[in-house]
Amino acid sequence: MKANQLGSFMVPSSDVQNLHPDVLRIMRDCIVVRAEMLFERQCIRYTAICAQFEESLRYQMPPEYVYEVDNSVDMNGRVTWKRR
């Protein structure tokens, strides 16, 4: 994992408050450097470093990612990231 593998993503605030198992699966591979509550969207926007994110330029806005958790594989779930 490199410091320039930075990206942002949103998680529903209700999932975070209720400690939904998918939130734990998403966050286990991330180092969060910023979290911002978006009240109008009822979600939290995270900016994080993740090994699955593409490398970006140093002073560029971090790209936005969407996650998908596949729990059909095993109990741990498989998280995939897609750049928007």
N, C-alpha and C. Protein backbone atom coordinates (compact mmCIF):
# COMPACT_ATOMS: atom_id res chain seq x y z
N MET A 1 0.84 -1.16 0.00
CA MET A 1 0.00 0.00 0.00
C MET A 1 0.89 1.24 0.00
N LYS A 2 0.54 2.20 -0.84
CA LYS A 2 1.31 3.43 -0.96
C LYS A 2 0.45 4.61 -0.54
N ALA A 3 1.08 5.67 -0.09
CA ALA A 3 0.35 6.85 0.39
C ALA A 3 -0.44 7.52 -0.73
N ASN A 4 -0.07 7.31 -2.00
CA ASN A 4 -0.81 7.94 -3.09
C ASN A 4 -1.94 7.06 -3.62
N GLN A 5 -2.26 5.98 -2.94
CA GLN A 5 -3.42 5.16 -3.30
C GLN A 5 -4.61 5.65 -2.48
N LEU A 6 -4.96 6.90 -2.74
CA LEU A 6 -5.97 7.62 -1.97
C LEU A 6 -7.27 7.65 -2.74
N GLY A 7 -8.38 7.51 -2.04
CA GLY A 7 -9.68 7.58 -2.68
C GLY A 7 -10.74 7.97 -1.66
N SER A 8 -11.92 8.30 -2.14
CA SER A 8 -13.03 8.63 -1.24
C SER A 8 -14.21 7.72 -1.56
N PHE A 9 -15.02 7.49 -0.54
CA PHE A 9 -16.22 6.66 -0.71
C PHE A 9 -17.22 7.04 0.37
N MET A 10 -18.48 6.70 0.14
CA MET A 10 -19.54 7.05 1.09
C MET A 10 -20.18 5.79 1.66
N VAL A 11 -20.52 5.88 2.94
CA VAL A 11 -21.18 4.79 3.65
C VAL A 11 -22.40 5.38 4.35
N PRO A 12 -23.57 4.74 4.24
CA PRO A 12 -24.74 5.25 4.96
C PRO A 12 -24.46 5.37 6.46
N SER A 13 -24.83 6.51 7.04
CA SER A 13 -24.54 6.73 8.46
C SER A 13 -25.26 5.72 9.34
N SER A 14 -26.41 5.24 8.93
CA SER A 14 -27.13 4.23 9.73
C SER A 14 -26.34 2.93 9.81
N ASP A 15 -25.64 2.57 8.72
CA ASP A 15 -24.81 1.35 8.74
C ASP A 15 -23.65 1.49 9.71
N VAL A 16 -23.08 2.69 9.77
CA VAL A 16 -21.96 2.93 10.68
C VAL A 16 -22.45 2.91 12.13
N GLN A 17 -23.55 3.57 12.40
CA GLN A 17 -24.09 3.64 13.77
C GLN A 17 -24.49 2.26 14.28
N ASN A 18 -24.99 1.41 13.39
CA ASN A 18 -25.45 0.08 13.80
C ASN A 18 -24.36 -0.97 13.67
N LEU A 19 -23.15 -0.55 13.32
CA LEU A 19 -22.02 -1.46 13.12
C LEU A 19 -22.40 -2.64 12.23
N HIS A 20 -22.96 -2.31 11.08
CA HIS A 20 -23.32 -3.33 10.09
C HIS A 20 -22.06 -4.11 9.72
N PRO A 21 -22.13 -5.45 9.62
CA PRO A 21 -20.94 -6.25 9.30
C PRO A 21 -20.23 -5.83 8.02
N ASP A 22 -20.96 -5.33 7.04
CA ASP A 22 -20.32 -4.88 5.79
C ASP A 22 -19.40 -3.69 6.03
N VAL A 23 -19.75 -2.82 6.98
CA VAL A 23 -18.90 -1.67 7.28
C VAL A 23 -17.54 -2.15 7.79
N LEU A 24 -17.55 -3.15 8.65
CA LEU A 24 -16.29 -3.69 9.16
C LEU A 24 -15.48 -4.32 8.03
N ARG A 25 -16.14 -4.97 7.09
CA ARG A 25 -15.43 -5.57 5.95
C ARG A 25 -14.81 -4.50 5.05
N ILE A 26 -15.53 -3.40 4.88
CA ILE A 26 -15.04 -2.30 4.04
C ILE A 26 -13.82 -1.64 4.68
N MET A 27 -13.91 -1.38 5.98
CA MET A 27 -12.89 -0.60 6.67
C MET A 27 -11.64 -1.39 7.02
N ARG A 28 -11.68 -2.71 6.98
CA ARG A 28 -10.53 -3.51 7.42
C ARG A 28 -9.29 -3.30 6.55
N ASP A 29 -9.47 -2.85 5.33
CA ASP A 29 -8.33 -2.67 4.41
C ASP A 29 -8.00 -1.20 4.16
N CYS A 30 -8.59 -0.30 4.93
CA CYS A 30 -8.43 1.14 4.70
C CYS A 30 -7.76 1.82 5.89
N ILE A 31 -6.99 2.85 5.56
CA ILE A 31 -6.48 3.77 6.57
C ILE A 31 -7.19 5.10 6.31
N VAL A 32 -8.12 5.44 7.18
CA VAL A 32 -8.93 6.64 7.00
C VAL A 32 -8.11 7.87 7.39
N VAL A 33 -8.07 8.85 6.48
CA VAL A 33 -7.36 10.09 6.75
C VAL A 33 -8.32 11.27 6.94
N ARG A 34 -9.60 11.05 6.56
CA ARG A 34 -10.61 12.10 6.75
C ARG A 34 -11.99 11.46 6.72
N ALA A 35 -12.87 11.95 7.58
CA ALA A 35 -14.26 11.52 7.58
C ALA A 35 -15.14 12.76 7.70
N GLU A 36 -16.18 12.80 6.88
CA GLU A 36 -17.05 13.98 6.83
C GLU A 36 -18.50 13.52 6.81
N MET A 37 -19.29 13.98 7.76
CA MET A 37 -20.71 13.65 7.81
C MET A 37 -21.47 14.55 6.84
N LEU A 38 -22.18 13.92 5.91
CA LEU A 38 -23.01 14.66 4.96
C LEU A 38 -24.46 14.51 5.39
N PHE A 39 -24.96 15.47 6.17
CA PHE A 39 -26.28 15.37 6.77
C PHE A 39 -27.40 15.30 5.73
N GLU A 40 -27.26 16.06 4.64
CA GLU A 40 -28.32 16.08 3.63
C GLU A 40 -28.44 14.74 2.90
N ARG A 41 -27.38 13.93 2.89
CA ARG A 41 -27.40 12.62 2.23
C ARG A 41 -27.45 11.46 3.22
N GLN A 42 -27.38 11.78 4.50
CA GLN A 42 -27.38 10.78 5.57
C GLN A 42 -26.30 9.72 5.36
N CYS A 43 -25.09 10.20 5.06
CA CYS A 43 -23.97 9.29 4.86
C CYS A 43 -22.68 9.95 5.34
N ILE A 44 -21.66 9.14 5.44
CA ILE A 44 -20.34 9.63 5.82
C ILE A 44 -19.41 9.44 4.63
N ARG A 45 -18.73 10.52 4.24
CA ARG A 45 -17.75 10.43 3.16
C ARG A 45 -16.38 10.24 3.79
N TYR A 46 -15.76 9.13 3.44
CA TYR A 46 -14.43 8.82 3.94
C TYR A 46 -13.41 9.08 2.85
N THR A 47 -12.27 9.62 3.22
CA THR A 47 -11.10 9.67 2.36
C THR A 47 -10.09 8.75 3.02
N ALA A 48 -9.58 7.79 2.25
CA ALA A 48 -8.74 6.76 2.84
C ALA A 48 -7.67 6.28 1.87
N ILE A 49 -6.67 5.64 2.44
CA ILE A 49 -5.65 4.95 1.66
C ILE A 49 -6.02 3.48 1.65
N CYS A 50 -5.99 2.87 0.47
CA CYS A 50 -6.36 1.48 0.34
C CYS A 50 -5.52 0.84 -0.77
N ALA A 51 -5.05 -0.36 -0.54
CA ALA A 51 -4.21 -1.05 -1.52
C ALA A 51 -4.96 -1.32 -2.82
N GLN A 52 -6.28 -1.37 -2.78
CA GLN A 52 -7.07 -1.65 -3.97
C GLN A 52 -7.39 -0.40 -4.79
N PHE A 53 -7.04 0.79 -4.28
CA PHE A 53 -7.26 2.02 -5.02
C PHE A 53 -6.11 2.25 -5.99
N GLU A 54 -6.42 2.89 -7.11
CA GLU A 54 -5.38 3.24 -8.08
C GLU A 54 -4.51 4.37 -7.53
N GLU A 55 -3.28 4.42 -7.97
CA GLU A 55 -2.40 5.52 -7.57
C GLU A 55 -2.89 6.81 -8.21
N SER A 56 -2.78 7.91 -7.46
CA SER A 56 -3.21 9.20 -7.99
C SER A 56 -2.09 10.21 -7.81
N LEU A 57 -2.20 11.33 -8.52
CA LEU A 57 -1.20 12.38 -8.42
C LEU A 57 -1.30 13.06 -7.06
N ARG A 58 -0.19 13.59 -6.62
CA ARG A 58 -0.07 14.11 -5.25
C ARG A 58 -1.09 15.20 -4.91
N TYR A 59 -1.28 16.19 -5.75
CA TYR A 59 -2.16 17.31 -5.44
C TYR A 59 -3.50 17.24 -6.16
N GLN A 60 -3.86 16.08 -6.59
CA GLN A 60 -5.11 15.86 -7.29
C GLN A 60 -6.19 15.48 -6.26
N MET A 61 -7.45 15.86 -6.55
CA MET A 61 -8.55 15.43 -5.69
C MET A 61 -8.62 13.91 -5.74
N PRO A 62 -8.82 13.27 -4.60
CA PRO A 62 -8.89 11.80 -4.61
C PRO A 62 -10.11 11.33 -5.40
N PRO A 63 -9.95 10.31 -6.23
CA PRO A 63 -11.10 9.81 -6.99
C PRO A 63 -12.12 9.16 -6.06
N GLU A 64 -13.35 9.13 -6.53
CA GLU A 64 -14.43 8.54 -5.74
C GLU A 64 -14.61 7.08 -6.14
N TYR A 65 -14.83 6.23 -5.15
CA TYR A 65 -15.01 4.80 -5.37
C TYR A 65 -16.36 4.36 -4.83
N VAL A 66 -16.85 3.28 -5.40
CA VAL A 66 -18.07 2.62 -4.93
C VAL A 66 -17.67 1.21 -4.55
N TYR A 67 -18.15 0.74 -3.43
CA TYR A 67 -17.79 -0.60 -2.97
C TYR A 67 -18.93 -1.58 -3.18
N GLU A 68 -18.58 -2.83 -3.25
CA GLU A 68 -19.56 -3.91 -3.32
C GLU A 68 -19.04 -5.05 -2.45
N VAL A 69 -19.90 -5.54 -1.57
CA VAL A 69 -19.52 -6.63 -0.68
C VAL A 69 -20.25 -7.89 -1.13
N ASP A 70 -19.47 -8.94 -1.41
CA ASP A 70 -20.03 -10.22 -1.84
C ASP A 70 -19.89 -11.20 -0.68
N ASN A 71 -21.00 -11.51 -0.03
CA ASN A 71 -20.98 -12.42 1.10
C ASN A 71 -21.24 -13.86 0.70
N SER A 72 -21.41 -14.11 -0.58
CA SER A 72 -21.72 -15.47 -1.03
C SER A 72 -20.48 -16.37 -1.06
N VAL A 73 -19.30 -15.78 -1.10
CA VAL A 73 -18.05 -16.53 -1.20
C VAL A 73 -17.72 -17.21 0.13
N ASP A 74 -17.67 -16.43 1.20
CA ASP A 74 -17.40 -16.98 2.53
C ASP A 74 -17.94 -16.03 3.59
N MET A 75 -17.74 -16.37 4.84
CA MET A 75 -18.26 -15.55 5.94
C MET A 75 -17.58 -14.20 6.04
N ASN A 76 -16.36 -14.08 5.55
CA ASN A 76 -15.61 -12.83 5.65
C ASN A 76 -16.07 -11.80 4.64
N GLY A 77 -16.70 -12.24 3.56
CA GLY A 77 -17.13 -11.31 2.52
C GLY A 77 -15.97 -10.81 1.70
N ARG A 78 -16.23 -10.55 0.45
CA ARG A 78 -15.20 -10.06 -0.47
C ARG A 78 -15.60 -8.66 -0.90
N VAL A 79 -14.71 -7.69 -0.69
CA VAL A 79 -14.99 -6.30 -1.04
C VAL A 79 -14.30 -5.96 -2.35
N THR A 80 -15.06 -5.44 -3.29
CA THR A 80 -14.48 -4.96 -4.55
C THR A 80 -14.79 -3.47 -4.67
N TRP A 81 -13.85 -2.74 -5.24
CA TRP A 81 -13.96 -1.30 -5.41
C TRP A 81 -14.01 -0.96 -6.88
N LYS A 82 -14.91 -0.04 -7.26
CA LYS A 82 -14.99 0.45 -8.63
C LYS A 82 -14.89 1.97 -8.59
N ARG A 83 -14.01 2.46 -9.45
CA ARG A 83 -13.84 3.92 -9.53
C ARG A 83 -15.00 4.53 -10.30
N ARG A 84 -15.52 5.63 -9.78
CA ARG A 84 -16.63 6.33 -10.47
C ARG A 84 -16.13 7.17 -11.59
